[in-house]
């Protein structure tokens, strides 16, 4: 819901400084409240007051997000340069190490272990993937800013009936 709302109402979300509030929405009701604010501001433009401090914070947050997201690309470029420097025929040699996507069974097994054992086994086969994304109950706190891969486990069902919206 958030993806499509953001895509369709992008200009208005920016105009009324509601993009972050929309993206932070945890439910359809919260996103609907943002849409109602837009409607209210469009019907009565005097209600909206442009907040220059918020605009400044949003700009800084966007710059920080771009910098953080660039970390993965920088890592990949370093690994390719290393492979070239060492004369590897496969330039993605280092990118393949630890790139194996964990399965649901592996995740279940790892969750039963202590943190040190989890880390030791994770580094062996899945070191490019975010361990927190798979093993921490809250998931990864860095979200898109994380330099590690966030890919659903093999065999995981990512479809959730309640996520679907009629229409």
Protein backbone atom coordinates (compact mmCIF):
# COMPACT_ATOMS: atom_id res chain seq x y z
CA UNK A 1 0.00 0.00 0.00
CA UNK A 2 2.78 2.42 0.95
CA UNK A 3 4.68 1.75 -2.28
CA UNK A 4 1.70 2.56 -4.51
CA UNK A 5 0.57 5.53 -2.42
CA UNK A 6 4.07 6.98 -2.55
CA UNK A 7 4.30 6.35 -6.29
CA UNK A 8 0.90 7.84 -7.16
CA UNK A 9 0.96 10.80 -4.75
CA UNK A 10 4.69 11.55 -4.84
CA UNK A 11 4.35 15.19 -5.88
CA UNK A 12 1.68 15.99 -3.32
CA UNK A 13 3.50 14.12 -0.55
CA UNK A 14 6.56 16.26 -1.25
CA UNK A 15 4.55 19.46 -1.62
CA UNK A 16 2.90 18.98 1.79
CA UNK A 17 6.00 17.46 3.45
CA UNK A 18 4.23 14.19 4.19
CA UNK A 19 6.52 11.70 2.44
CA UNK A 20 8.28 10.53 5.61
CA UNK A 21 4.99 10.22 7.48
CA UNK A 22 3.60 8.10 4.64
CA UNK A 23 6.64 5.82 4.44
CA UNK A 24 6.70 5.41 8.22
CA UNK A 25 3.07 4.26 8.25
CA UNK A 26 2.67 0.85 9.88
CA UNK A 27 -0.89 0.18 8.71
CA UNK A 28 -3.37 1.03 5.99
CA UNK A 29 -5.17 3.30 8.49
CA UNK A 30 -2.02 5.39 9.05
CA UNK A 31 -1.48 5.78 5.31
CA UNK A 32 -5.14 6.72 4.93
CA UNK A 33 -4.66 9.50 7.54
CA UNK A 34 -1.83 10.93 5.43
CA UNK A 35 -4.05 10.86 2.33
CA UNK A 36 -6.81 12.65 4.28
CA UNK A 37 -4.30 15.34 5.30
CA UNK A 38 -3.45 15.88 1.63
CA UNK A 39 -7.13 16.16 0.80
CA UNK A 40 -7.62 18.66 3.66
CA UNK A 41 -4.65 20.77 2.51
CA UNK A 42 -5.87 20.77 -1.10
CA UNK A 43 -9.37 21.85 -0.05
CA UNK A 44 -8.05 24.53 2.30
CA UNK A 45 -4.48 25.60 1.37
CA UNK A 46 -4.30 28.03 4.32
CA UNK A 47 -4.10 25.06 6.73
CA UNK A 48 -0.69 23.99 5.40
CA UNK A 49 2.39 25.77 6.70
CA UNK A 50 5.69 24.96 5.00
CA UNK A 51 8.24 23.93 7.65
CA UNK A 52 11.76 24.93 6.55
CA UNK A 53 13.34 22.99 9.44
CA UNK A 54 11.54 19.83 8.38
CA UNK A 55 12.64 20.40 4.78
CA UNK A 56 16.23 20.74 5.98
CA UNK A 57 15.98 17.54 8.06
CA UNK A 58 14.40 15.67 5.13
CA UNK A 59 17.20 16.80 2.81
CA UNK A 60 19.87 15.68 5.29
CA UNK A 61 18.10 12.34 5.80
CA UNK A 62 17.96 11.77 2.03
CA UNK A 63 21.67 12.54 1.65
CA UNK A 64 22.49 10.17 4.51
CA UNK A 65 20.29 7.45 2.97
CA UNK A 66 22.05 7.76 -0.39
CA UNK A 67 25.44 7.61 1.29
CA UNK A 68 24.45 4.52 3.29
CA UNK A 69 22.93 2.75 0.27
CA UNK A 70 26.13 3.40 -1.66
CA UNK A 71 28.10 1.29 0.80
CA UNK A 72 27.03 -1.98 -0.85
CA UNK A 73 28.04 -0.72 -4.29
CA UNK A 74 31.40 0.42 -2.91
CA UNK A 75 31.95 -3.02 -1.35
CA UNK A 76 31.20 -4.75 -4.66
CA UNK A 77 33.57 -2.44 -6.54
CA UNK A 78 36.36 -3.13 -3.99
CA UNK A 79 35.89 -6.90 -4.34
CA UNK A 80 36.05 -6.72 -8.15
CA UNK A 81 39.23 -4.60 -7.98
CA UNK A 82 40.75 -7.12 -5.55
CA UNK A 83 39.95 -10.00 -7.92
CA UNK A 84 41.55 -8.08 -10.84
CA UNK A 85 44.62 -7.24 -8.78
CA UNK A 86 45.05 -10.91 -7.82
CA UNK A 87 44.57 -12.05 -11.42
CA UNK A 88 41.37 -14.03 -10.81
CA UNK A 89 39.58 -15.06 -14.00
CA UNK A 90 36.24 -14.78 -12.23
CA UNK A 91 36.01 -11.11 -11.26
CA UNK A 92 33.07 -11.89 -8.99
CA UNK A 93 35.04 -14.51 -7.05
CA UNK A 94 34.93 -12.56 -3.77
CA UNK A 95 31.31 -11.56 -4.31
CA UNK A 96 30.33 -15.23 -4.47
CA UNK A 97 31.93 -16.05 -1.11
CA UNK A 98 29.20 -15.95 1.51
CA UNK A 99 26.53 -15.18 -1.08
CA UNK A 100 24.54 -18.40 -0.56
CA UNK A 101 20.95 -17.53 0.36
CA UNK A 102 20.00 -19.22 3.63
CA UNK A 103 17.07 -21.64 3.65
CA UNK A 104 14.17 -21.63 6.10
CA UNK A 105 15.60 -24.81 7.66
CA UNK A 106 19.01 -23.18 8.21
CA UNK A 107 17.38 -20.11 9.77
CA UNK A 108 15.36 -22.32 12.12
CA UNK A 109 18.48 -24.27 13.13
CA UNK A 110 20.48 -21.08 13.71
CA UNK A 111 17.75 -19.50 15.84
CA UNK A 112 18.10 -22.40 18.29
CA UNK A 113 21.84 -21.71 18.77
CA UNK A 114 23.64 -19.17 20.94
CA UNK A 115 24.77 -15.87 19.40
CA UNK A 116 28.46 -16.91 19.07
CA UNK A 117 27.54 -20.18 17.34
CA UNK A 118 25.10 -18.36 15.07
CA UNK A 119 27.79 -15.89 14.01
CA UNK A 120 30.38 -18.61 13.39
CA UNK A 121 28.05 -20.65 11.17
CA UNK A 122 26.64 -17.55 9.45
CA UNK A 123 30.07 -16.27 8.41
CA UNK A 124 30.90 -19.61 6.80
CA UNK A 125 28.17 -19.61 4.11
CA UNK A 126 26.05 -16.47 4.36
CA UNK A 127 28.44 -13.66 5.29
CA UNK A 128 27.14 -11.26 2.64
CA UNK A 129 23.60 -11.55 3.99
CA UNK A 130 22.34 -9.58 6.97
CA UNK A 131 22.24 -11.88 9.98
CA UNK A 132 19.94 -9.50 11.88
CA UNK A 133 17.45 -9.47 9.00
CA UNK A 134 17.03 -13.22 9.33
CA UNK A 135 17.68 -13.98 13.00
CA UNK A 136 16.69 -10.99 15.14
CA UNK A 137 13.00 -10.92 16.11
CA UNK A 138 12.75 -7.21 15.14
CA UNK A 139 14.75 -7.69 11.95
CA UNK A 140 17.50 -5.34 10.81
CA UNK A 141 17.38 -1.89 12.38
CA UNK A 142 19.35 -0.36 9.49
CA UNK A 143 16.78 -1.47 6.90
CA UNK A 144 17.78 -0.11 3.45
CA UNK A 145 20.88 1.58 4.84
CA UNK A 146 22.36 -1.83 5.70
CA UNK A 147 25.39 -2.81 3.62
CA UNK A 148 24.46 -6.50 3.84
CA UNK A 149 21.92 -8.24 1.61
CA UNK A 150 18.27 -8.44 2.71
CA UNK A 151 16.87 -11.39 0.77
CA UNK A 152 14.08 -13.67 1.98
CA UNK A 153 15.19 -17.16 2.93
CA UNK A 154 14.83 -19.90 0.31
CA UNK A 155 11.49 -21.59 0.82
CA UNK A 156 9.98 -18.68 2.76
CA UNK A 157 6.46 -17.69 1.91
CA UNK A 158 6.49 -13.93 1.52
CA UNK A 159 2.82 -13.61 0.56
CA UNK A 160 0.64 -12.59 3.50
CA UNK A 161 -3.12 -12.58 2.96
CA UNK A 162 -3.63 -9.55 5.20
CA UNK A 163 -1.21 -7.50 3.06
CA UNK A 164 -3.56 -7.61 0.10
CA UNK A 165 -5.98 -4.77 -0.44
CA UNK A 166 -9.27 -5.37 -2.22
CA UNK A 167 -9.69 -3.72 -5.58
